[in-house]
PDB file of N, CA and C in Angstrom:
ATOM      1  N   MET A   1     -54.482-110.857 -30.728  1.00  0.00           N
ATOM      2  CA  MET A   1     -55.622-110.027 -30.413  1.00  0.00           C
ATOM      3  C   MET A   1     -56.883-110.864 -30.520  1.00  0.00           C
ATOM      4  N   TYR A   2     -57.761-110.707 -29.574  1.00  0.00           N
ATOM      5  CA  TYR A   2     -59.024-111.422 -29.580  1.00  0.00           C
ATOM      6  C   TYR A   2     -60.161-110.421 -29.634  1.00  0.00           C
ATOM      7  N   ALA A   3     -61.118-110.702 -30.463  1.00  0.00           N
ATOM      8  CA  ALA A   3     -62.285-109.839 -30.551  1.00  0.00           C
ATOM      9  C   ALA A   3     -63.526-110.726 -30.556  1.00  0.00           C
ATOM     10  N   PHE A   4     -64.407-110.500 -29.634  1.00  0.00           N
ATOM     11  CA  PHE A   4     -65.648-111.247 -29.547  1.00  0.00           C
ATOM     12  C   PHE A   4     -66.766-110.359 -30.076  1.00  0.00           C
ATOM     13  N   VAL A   5     -66.745-110.178 -31.383  1.00  0.00           N
ATOM     14  CA  VAL A   5     -67.649-109.233 -32.025  1.00  0.00           C
ATOM     15  C   VAL A   5     -68.304-109.933 -33.208  1.00  0.00           C
ATOM     16  N   THR A   6     -69.605-109.755 -33.338  1.00  0.00           N
ATOM     17  CA  THR A   6     -70.300-110.349 -34.476  1.00  0.00           C
ATOM     18  C   THR A   6     -70.816-109.309 -35.454  1.00  0.00           C
ATOM     19  N   GLY A   7     -70.771-108.066 -35.077  1.00  0.00           N
ATOM     20  CA  GLY A   7     -71.286-107.032 -35.964  1.00  0.00           C
ATOM     21  C   GLY A   7     -70.418-105.798 -35.919  1.00  0.00           C
ATOM     22  N   PRO A   8     -70.691-104.819 -36.754  1.00  0.00           N
ATOM     23  CA  PRO A   8     -69.874-103.604 -36.784  1.00  0.00           C
ATOM     24  C   PRO A   8     -70.047-102.778 -35.506  1.00  0.00           C
ATOM     25  N   LEU A   9     -68.984-102.098 -35.140  1.00  0.00           N
ATOM     26  CA  LEU A   9     -68.961-101.278 -33.929  1.00  0.00           C
ATOM     27  C   LEU A   9     -69.010 -99.800 -34.280  1.00  0.00           C
ATOM     28  N   ALA A  10     -69.688 -99.026 -33.461  1.00  0.00           N
ATOM     29  CA  ALA A  10     -69.762 -97.581 -33.666  1.00  0.00           C
ATOM     30  C   ALA A  10     -68.464 -96.902 -33.262  1.00  0.00           C
ATOM     31  N   TRP A  11     -67.773 -97.444 -32.260  1.00  0.00           N
ATOM     32  CA  TRP A  11     -66.509 -96.847 -31.828  1.00  0.00           C
ATOM     33  C   TRP A  11     -65.631 -97.890 -31.148  1.00  0.00           C
ATOM     34  N   ILE A  12     -64.347 -97.653 -31.227  1.00  0.00           N
ATOM     35  CA  ILE A  12     -63.324 -98.455 -30.551  1.00  0.00           C
ATOM     36  C   ILE A  12     -62.359 -97.466 -29.916  1.00  0.00           C
ATOM     37  N   SER A  13     -61.942 -97.741 -28.706  1.00  0.00           N
ATOM     38  CA  SER A  13     -61.011 -96.866 -28.004  1.00  0.00           C
ATOM     39  C   SER A  13     -59.733 -97.617 -27.657  1.00  0.00           C
ATOM     40  N   LEU A  14     -58.591 -97.044 -28.028  1.00  0.00           N
ATOM     41  CA  LEU A  14     -57.283 -97.570 -27.642  1.00  0.00           C
ATOM     42  C   LEU A  14     -56.633 -96.537 -26.729  1.00  0.00           C
ATOM     43  N   CYS A  15     -56.802 -96.694 -25.447  1.00  0.00           N
ATOM     44  CA  CYS A  15     -56.241 -95.747 -24.491  1.00  0.00           C
ATOM     45  C   CYS A  15     -54.933 -96.312 -23.940  1.00  0.00           C
ATOM     46  N   GLU A  16     -53.832 -95.703 -24.357  1.00  0.00           N
ATOM     47  CA  GLU A  16     -52.496 -96.146 -23.956  1.00  0.00           C
ATOM     48  C   GLU A  16     -52.242 -97.600 -24.359  1.00  0.00           C
ATOM     49  N   VAL A  17     -52.639 -97.943 -25.588  1.00  0.00           N
ATOM     50  CA  VAL A  17     -52.453 -99.285 -26.141  1.00  0.00           C
ATOM     51  C   VAL A  17     -51.511 -99.256 -27.337  1.00  0.00           C
ATOM     52  N   PHE A  18     -51.653 -98.262 -28.200  1.00  0.00           N
ATOM     53  CA  PHE A  18     -50.927 -98.197 -29.472  1.00  0.00           C
ATOM     54  C   PHE A  18     -49.432 -98.431 -29.303  1.00  0.00           C
ATOM     55  N   GLU A  19     -48.828 -97.827 -28.287  1.00  0.00           N
ATOM     56  CA  GLU A  19     -47.373 -97.912 -28.107  1.00  0.00           C
ATOM     57  C   GLU A  19     -46.899 -99.312 -27.704  1.00  0.00           C
ATOM     58  N   HIS A  20     -47.823-100.214 -27.397  1.00  0.00           N
ATOM     59  CA  HIS A  20     -47.471-101.571 -26.980  1.00  0.00           C
ATOM     60  C   HIS A  20     -47.653-102.599 -28.104  1.00  0.00           C
ATOM     61  N   LEU A  21     -48.085-102.169 -29.268  1.00  0.00           N
ATOM     62  CA  LEU A  21     -48.395-103.095 -30.363  1.00  0.00           C
ATOM     63  C   LEU A  21     -47.139-103.493 -31.139  1.00  0.00           C
ATOM     64  N   ARG A  22     -46.952-104.786 -31.327  1.00  0.00           N
ATOM     65  CA  ARG A  22     -45.810-105.269 -32.126  1.00  0.00           C
ATOM     66  C   ARG A  22     -46.021-105.019 -33.616  1.00  0.00           C
ATOM     67  N   GLU A  23     -47.268-105.120 -34.071  1.00  0.00           N
ATOM     68  CA  GLU A  23     -47.594-104.913 -35.483  1.00  0.00           C
ATOM     69  C   GLU A  23     -48.767-103.930 -35.582  1.00  0.00           C
ATOM     70  N   PRO A  24     -48.490-102.643 -35.346  1.00  0.00           N
ATOM     71  CA  PRO A  24     -49.593-101.681 -35.264  1.00  0.00           C
ATOM     72  C   PRO A  24     -50.442-101.574 -36.522  1.00  0.00           C
ATOM     73  N   LEU A  25     -49.841-101.612 -37.689  1.00  0.00           N
ATOM     74  CA  LEU A  25     -50.644-101.467 -38.910  1.00  0.00           C
ATOM     75  C   LEU A  25     -51.589-102.649 -39.078  1.00  0.00           C
ATOM     76  N   ALA A  26     -51.118-103.851 -38.787  1.00  0.00           N
ATOM     77  CA  ALA A  26     -51.986-105.032 -38.880  1.00  0.00           C
ATOM     78  C   ALA A  26     -53.153-104.928 -37.908  1.00  0.00           C
ATOM     79  N   VAL A  27     -52.898-104.469 -36.703  1.00  0.00           N
ATOM     80  CA  VAL A  27     -53.964-104.314 -35.711  1.00  0.00           C
ATOM     81  C   VAL A  27     -54.952-103.234 -36.157  1.00  0.00           C
ATOM     82  N   LEU A  28     -54.441-102.115 -36.652  1.00  0.00           N
ATOM     83  CA  LEU A  28     -55.334-101.043 -37.095  1.00  0.00           C
ATOM     84  C   LEU A  28     -56.190-101.485 -38.277  1.00  0.00           C
ATOM     85  N   ARG A  29     -55.631-102.276 -39.173  1.00  0.00           N
ATOM     86  CA  ARG A  29     -56.431-102.814 -40.293  1.00  0.00           C
ATOM     87  C   ARG A  29     -57.554-103.706 -39.765  1.00  0.00           C
ATOM     88  N   ARG A  30     -57.216-104.533 -38.783  1.00  0.00           N
ATOM     89  CA  ARG A  30     -58.237-105.420 -38.212  1.00  0.00           C
ATOM     90  C   ARG A  30     -59.336-104.605 -37.525  1.00  0.00           C
ATOM     91  N   LEU A  31     -58.937-103.604 -36.774  1.00  0.00           N
ATOM     92  CA  LEU A  31     -59.923-102.755 -36.107  1.00  0.00           C
ATOM     93  C   LEU A  31     -60.784-102.013 -37.124  1.00  0.00           C
ATOM     94  N   ASP A  32     -60.170-101.589 -38.226  1.00  0.00           N
ATOM     95  CA  ASP A  32     -60.917-100.924 -39.292  1.00  0.00           C
ATOM     96  C   ASP A  32     -62.027-101.837 -39.807  1.00  0.00           C
ATOM     97  N   GLY A  33     -61.735-103.121 -39.904  1.00  0.00           N
ATOM     98  CA  GLY A  33     -62.733-104.087 -40.350  1.00  0.00           C
ATOM     99  C   GLY A  33     -63.858-104.300 -39.350  1.00  0.00           C
ATOM    100  N   LEU A  34     -63.633-103.949 -38.089  1.00  0.00           N
ATOM    101  CA  LEU A  34     -64.662-104.093 -37.060  1.00  0.00           C
ATOM    102  C   LEU A  34     -65.551-102.863 -36.934  1.00  0.00           C
ATOM    103  N   LEU A  35     -65.089-101.747 -37.481  1.00  0.00           N
ATOM    104  CA  LEU A  35     -65.847-100.497 -37.353  1.00  0.00           C
ATOM    105  C   LEU A  35     -66.985-100.416 -38.371  1.00  0.00           C
ATOM    106  N   ALA A  36     -68.103 -99.893 -37.905  1.00  0.00           N
ATOM    107  CA  ALA A  36     -69.220 -99.610 -38.807  1.00  0.00           C
ATOM    108  C   ALA A  36     -68.835 -98.448 -39.718  1.00  0.00           C
ATOM    109  N   GLN A  37     -69.503 -98.328 -40.850  1.00  0.00           N
ATOM    110  CA  GLN A  37     -69.299 -97.177 -41.723  1.00  0.00           C
ATOM    111  C   GLN A  37     -69.515 -95.910 -40.908  1.00  0.00           C
ATOM    112  N   GLY A  38     -68.543 -95.002 -40.915  1.00  0.00           N
ATOM    113  CA  GLY A  38     -68.638 -93.779 -40.137  1.00  0.00           C
ATOM    114  C   GLY A  38     -68.266 -93.951 -38.674  1.00  0.00           C
ATOM    115  N   GLY A  39     -67.795 -95.149 -38.294  1.00  0.00           N
ATOM    116  CA  GLY A  39     -67.411 -95.403 -36.909  1.00  0.00           C
ATOM    117  C   GLY A  39     -66.144 -94.657 -36.520  1.00  0.00           C
ATOM    118  N   TRP A  40     -65.869 -94.613 -35.226  1.00  0.00           N
ATOM    119  CA  TRP A  40     -64.736 -93.874 -34.683  1.00  0.00           C
ATOM    120  C   TRP A  40     -63.733 -94.823 -34.035  1.00  0.00           C
ATOM    121  N   LEU A  41     -62.471 -94.564 -34.279  1.00  0.00           N
ATOM    122  CA  LEU A  41     -61.383 -95.225 -33.567  1.00  0.00           C
ATOM    123  C   LEU A  41     -60.623 -94.139 -32.824  1.00  0.00           C
ATOM    124  N   GLY A  42     -60.637 -94.193 -31.512  1.00  0.00           N
ATOM    125  CA  GLY A  42     -59.925 -93.216 -30.696  1.00  0.00           C
ATOM    126  C   GLY A  42     -58.611 -93.810 -30.223  1.00  0.00           C
ATOM    127  N   ILE A  43     -57.513 -93.077 -30.417  1.00  0.00           N
ATOM    128  CA  ILE A  43     -56.194 -93.531 -29.975  1.00  0.00           C
ATOM    129  C   ILE A  43     -55.609 -92.471 -29.052  1.00  0.00           C
ATOM    130  N   SER A  44     -55.277 -92.883 -27.845  1.00  0.00           N
ATOM    131  CA  SER A  44     -54.595 -92.009 -26.899  1.00  0.00           C
ATOM    132  C   SER A  44     -53.193 -92.577 -26.690  1.00  0.00           C
ATOM    133  N   THR A  45     -52.184 -91.806 -27.051  1.00  0.00           N
ATOM    134  CA  THR A  45     -50.795 -92.256 -26.910  1.00  0.00           C
ATOM    135  C   THR A  45     -49.886 -91.042 -26.852  1.00  0.00           C
ATOM    136  N   GLY A  46     -48.707 -91.209 -26.302  1.00  0.00           N
ATOM    137  CA  GLY A  46     -47.722 -90.137 -26.321  1.00  0.00           C
ATOM    138  C   GLY A  46     -47.119 -90.017 -27.711  1.00  0.00           C
ATOM    139  N   LEU A  47     -46.874 -88.791 -28.150  1.00  0.00           N
ATOM    140  CA  LEU A  47     -46.293 -88.563 -29.472  1.00  0.00           C
ATOM    141  C   LEU A  47     -44.923 -87.921 -29.335  1.00  0.00           C
ATOM    142  N   LEU A  48     -44.001 -88.358 -30.168  1.00  0.00           N
ATOM    143  CA  LEU A  48     -42.649 -87.806 -30.195  1.00  0.00           C
ATOM    144  C   LEU A  48     -42.668 -86.490 -30.955  1.00  0.00           C
ATOM    145  N   GLY A  49     -42.107 -85.453 -30.334  1.00  0.00           N
ATOM    146  CA  GLY A  49     -42.073 -84.150 -30.981  1.00  0.00           C
ATOM    147  C   GLY A  49     -40.955 -84.017 -32.000  1.00  0.00           C
ATOM    148  N   SER A  50     -39.733 -84.447 -31.639  1.00  0.00           N
ATOM    149  CA  SER A  50     -38.595 -84.321 -32.548  1.00  0.00           C
ATOM    150  C   SER A  50     -37.542 -85.359 -32.190  1.00  0.00           C
ATOM    151  N   ASP A  51     -36.588 -85.564 -33.104  1.00  0.00           N
ATOM    152  CA  ASP A  51     -35.499 -86.508 -32.842  1.00  0.00           C
ATOM    153  C   ASP A  51     -34.699 -86.110 -31.612  1.00  0.00           C
ATOM    154  N   GLU A  52     -34.547 -84.814 -31.401  1.00  0.00           N
ATOM    155  CA  GLU A  52     -33.769 -84.333 -30.267  1.00  0.00           C
ATOM    156  C   GLU A  52     -34.425 -84.716 -28.941  1.00  0.00           C
ATOM    157  N   ASP A  53     -35.733 -84.827 -28.931  1.00  0.00           N
ATOM    158  CA  ASP A  53     -36.467 -85.169 -27.714  1.00  0.00           C
ATOM    159  C   ASP A  53     -36.357 -86.649 -27.349  1.00  0.00           C
ATOM    160  N   PHE A  54     -36.005 -87.508 -28.322  1.00  0.00           N
ATOM    161  CA  PHE A  54     -36.087 -88.953 -28.117  1.00  0.00           C
ATOM    162  C   PHE A  54     -35.206 -89.440 -26.968  1.00  0.00           C
ATOM    163  N   ALA A  55     -33.978 -89.010 -26.873  1.00  0.00           N
ATOM    164  CA  ALA A  55     -33.040 -89.514 -25.864  1.00  0.00           C
ATOM    165  C   ALA A  55     -33.542 -89.286 -24.435  1.00  0.00           C
ATOM    166  N   GLY A  56     -34.205 -88.178 -24.183  1.00  0.00           N
ATOM    167  CA  GLY A  56     -34.677 -87.885 -22.847  1.00  0.00           C
ATOM    168  C   GLY A  56     -36.143 -88.217 -22.606  1.00  0.00           C
ATOM    169  N   TRP A  57     -36.796 -88.767 -23.595  1.00  0.00           N
ATOM    170  CA  TRP A  57     -38.224 -89.032 -23.523  1.00  0.00           C
ATOM    171  C   TRP A  57     -38.485 -90.271 -22.689  1.00  0.00           C
ATOM    172  N   TRP A  58     -39.248 -90.151 -21.630  1.00  0.00           N
ATOM    173  CA  TRP A  58     -39.498 -91.291 -20.746  1.00  0.00           C
ATOM    174  C   TRP A  58     -40.195 -92.439 -21.473  1.00  0.00           C
ATOM    175  N   TYR A  59     -41.006 -92.137 -22.489  1.00  0.00           N
ATOM    176  CA  TYR A  59     -41.682 -93.185 -23.260  1.00  0.00           C
ATOM    177  C   TYR A  59     -40.664 -94.140 -23.875  1.00  0.00           C
ATOM    178  N   ALA A  60     -39.574 -93.595 -24.391  1.00  0.00           N
ATOM    179  CA  ALA A  60     -38.557 -94.410 -25.067  1.00  0.00           C
ATOM    180  C   ALA A  60     -37.788 -95.280 -24.078  1.00  0.00           C
ATOM    181  N   ARG A  61     -37.725 -94.876 -22.831  1.00  0.00           N
ATOM    182  CA  ARG A  61     -36.983 -95.651 -21.828  1.00  0.00           C
ATOM    183  C   ARG A  61     -37.832 -96.737 -21.171  1.00  0.00           C
ATOM    184  N   ASP A  62     -39.117 -96.760 -21.428  1.00  0.00           N
ATOM    185  CA  ASP A  62     -40.001 -97.774 -20.856  1.00  0.00           C
ATOM    186  C   ASP A  62     -39.948 -99.006 -21.760  1.00  0.00           C
ATOM    187  N   PRO A  63     -39.445-100.140 -21.260  1.00  0.00           N
ATOM    188  CA  PRO A  63     -39.226-101.311 -22.125  1.00  0.00           C
ATOM    189  C   PRO A  63     -40.489-101.931 -22.716  1.00  0.00           C
ATOM    190  N   VAL A  64     -41.646-101.616 -22.174  1.00  0.00           N
ATOM    191  CA  VAL A  64     -42.873-102.173 -22.745  1.00  0.00           C
ATOM    192  C   VAL A  64     -43.416-101.325 -23.892  1.00  0.00           C
ATOM    193  N   HIS A  65     -42.819-100.164 -24.138  1.00  0.00           N
ATOM    194  CA  HIS A  65     -43.219 -99.327 -25.268  1.00  0.00           C
ATOM    195  C   HIS A  65     -42.439 -99.764 -26.505  1.00  0.00           C
ATOM    196  N   LEU A  66     -43.149-100.291 -27.458  1.00  0.00           N
ATOM    197  CA  LEU A  66     -42.544-100.863 -28.660  1.00  0.00           C
ATOM    198  C   LEU A  66     -42.639 -99.952 -29.873  1.00  0.00           C
ATOM    199  N   VAL A  67     -43.618 -99.048 -29.882  1.00  0.00           N
ATOM    200  CA  VAL A  67     -43.901 -98.205 -31.037  1.00  0.00           C
ATOM    201  C   VAL A  67     -43.859 -96.743 -30.602  1.00  0.00           C
ATOM    202  N   PHE A  68     -43.182 -95.940 -31.384  1.00  0.00           N
ATOM    203  CA  PHE A  68     -43.107 -94.509 -31.106  1.00  0.00           C
ATOM    204  C   PHE A  68     -43.632 -93.769 -32.325  1.00  0.00           C
ATOM    205  N   ALA A  69     -44.598 -92.912 -32.107  1.00  0.00           N
ATOM    206  CA  ALA A  69     -45.245 -92.226 -33.222  1.00  0.00           C
ATOM    207  C   ALA A  69     -45.064 -90.720 -33.101  1.00  0.00           C
ATOM    208  N   ARG A  70     -45.120 -90.073 -34.230  1.00  0.00           N
ATOM    209  CA  ARG A  70     -45.126 -88.613 -34.323  1.00  0.00           C
ATOM    210  C   ARG A  70     -46.487 -88.205 -34.890  1.00  0.00           C
ATOM    211  N   PRO A  71     -46.811 -86.943 -34.835  1.00  0.00           N
ATOM    212  CA  PRO A  71     -48.046 -86.508 -35.496  1.00  0.00           C
ATOM    213  C   PRO A  71     -48.079 -86.934 -36.975  1.00  0.00           C
ATOM    214  N   ALA A  72     -46.949 -86.882 -37.647  1.00  0.00           N
ATOM    215  CA  ALA A  72     -46.899 -87.285 -39.065  1.00  0.00           C
ATOM    216  C   ALA A  72     -47.202 -88.776 -39.240  1.00  0.00           C
ATOM    217  N   THR A  73     -46.883 -89.587 -38.234  1.00  0.00           N
ATOM    218  CA  THR A  73     -47.199 -91.018 -38.282  1.00  0.00           C
ATOM    219  C   THR A  73     -48.707 -91.204 -38.355  1.00  0.00           C
ATOM    220  N   LEU A  74     -49.420 -90.464 -37.519  1.00  0.00           N
ATOM    221  CA  LEU A  74     -50.879 -90.564 -37.525  1.00  0.00           C
ATOM    222  C   LEU A  74     -51.465 -90.049 -38.833  1.00  0.00           C
ATOM    223  N   ASP A  75     -50.856 -89.011 -39.398  1.00  0.00           N
ATOM    224  CA  ASP A  75     -51.285 -88.520 -40.714  1.00  0.00           C
ATOM    225  C   ASP A  75     -51.141 -89.621 -41.760  1.00  0.00           C
ATOM    226  N   TRP A  76     -49.991 -90.338 -41.724  1.00  0.00           N
ATOM    227  CA  TRP A  76     -49.735 -91.407 -42.691  1.00  0.00           C
ATOM    228  C   TRP A  76     -50.740 -92.536 -42.519  1.00  0.00           C
ATOM    229  N   ILE A  77     -50.979 -92.935 -41.276  1.00  0.00           N
ATOM    230  CA  ILE A  77     -51.933 -94.013 -41.002  1.00  0.00           C
ATOM    231  C   ILE A  77     -53.306 -93.642 -41.539  1.00  0.00           C
ATOM    232  N   ALA A  78     -53.756 -92.434 -41.236  1.00  0.00           N
ATOM    233  CA  ALA A  78     -55.072 -91.985 -41.702  1.00  0.00           C
ATOM    234  C   ALA A  78     -55.152 -92.007 -43.222  1.00  0.00           C
ATOM    235  N   SER A  79     -54.116 -91.529 -43.878  1.00  0.00           N
ATOM    236  CA  SER A  79     -54.098 -91.520 -45.338  1.00  0.00           C
ATOM    237  C   SER A  79     -54.080 -92.942 -45.899  1.00  0.00           C
ATOM    238  N   HIS A  80     -53.248 -93.793 -45.311  1.00  0.00           N
ATOM    239  CA  HIS A  80     -53.084 -95.166 -45.787  1.00  0.00           C
ATOM    240  C   HIS A  80     -54.374 -95.983 -45.640  1.00  0.00           C
ATOM    241  N   LEU A  81     -55.110 -95.736 -44.568  1.00  0.00           N
ATOM    242  CA  LEU A  81     -56.333 -96.493 -44.312  1.00  0.00           C
ATOM    243  C   LEU A  81     -57.591 -95.751 -44.759  1.00  0.00           C
ATOM    244  N   ASN A  82     -57.400 -94.606 -45.418  1.00  0.00           N
ATOM    245  CA  ASN A  82     -58.517 -93.792 -45.900  1.00  0.00           C
ATOM    246  C   ASN A  82     -59.422 -93.345 -44.755  1.00  0.00           C
ATOM    247  N   TRP A  83     -58.790 -92.906 -43.661  1.00  0.00           N
ATOM    248  CA  TRP A  83     -59.505 -92.382 -42.499  1.00  0.00           C
ATOM    249  C   TRP A  83     -59.393 -90.869 -42.476  1.00  0.00           C
ATOM    250  N   ARG A  84     -60.283 -90.232 -41.763  1.00  0.00           N
ATOM    251  CA  ARG A  84     -60.190 -88.800 -41.489  1.00  0.00           C
ATOM    252  C   ARG A  84     -59.627 -88.650 -40.077  1.00  0.00           C
ATOM    253  N   LEU A  85     -58.562 -87.895 -39.932  1.00  0.00           N
ATOM    254  CA  LEU A  85     -57.907 -87.710 -38.640  1.00  0.00           C
ATOM    255  C   LEU A  85     -58.399 -86.427 -37.976  1.00  0.00           C
ATOM    256  N   GLU A  86     -58.819 -86.552 -36.752  1.00  0.00           N
ATOM    257  CA  GLU A  86     -59.192 -85.392 -35.943  1.00  0.00           C
ATOM    258  C   GLU A  86     -58.349 -85.424 -34.684  1.00  0.00           C
ATOM    259  N   ARG A  87     -57.676 -84.314 -34.391  1.00  0.00           N
ATOM    260  CA  ARG A  87     -56.814 -84.240 -33.204  1.00  0.00           C
ATOM    261  C   ARG A  87     -57.567 -83.541 -32.075  1.00  0.00           C
ATOM    262  N   GLU A  88     -57.447 -84.110 -30.888  1.00  0.00           N
ATOM    263  CA  GLU A  88     -58.038 -83.524 -29.683  1.00  0.00           C
ATOM    264  C   GLU A  88     -56.913 -83.313 -28.677  1.00  0.00           C
ATOM    265  N   GLY A  89     -57.059 -82.364 -27.802  1.00  0.00           N
ATOM    266  CA  GLY A  89     -56.072 -82.169 -26.745  1.00  0.00           C
ATOM    267  C   GLY A  89     -54.789 -81.567 -27.280  1.00  0.00           C
ATOM    268  N   ARG A  90     -53.686 -81.874 -26.586  1.00  0.00           N
ATOM    269  CA  ARG A  90     -52.408 -81.273 -26.987  1.00  0.00           C
ATOM    270  C   ARG A  90     -51.849 -81.960 -28.136  1.00  0.00           C
TER     271      ARG A  90
END
């Protein structure tokens, strides 16, 4: 990952990026370090509803998708990084 940033950022957007990360927690920690106090990190990604859905889920069949998350995954990330999670959309 390359970042050409010299100061804190008000917001960072990951639109259809999270599922392609080999080391998502390491990347999220790095992004956390780039955010200004009170800054926003927006993540847009498909979420797995249940284990039963996995076999037929097109996300899982796409070979470039490396990470599969559930709503509980995002809860864990927010808790682990001391973030506040806000859900938008479905």
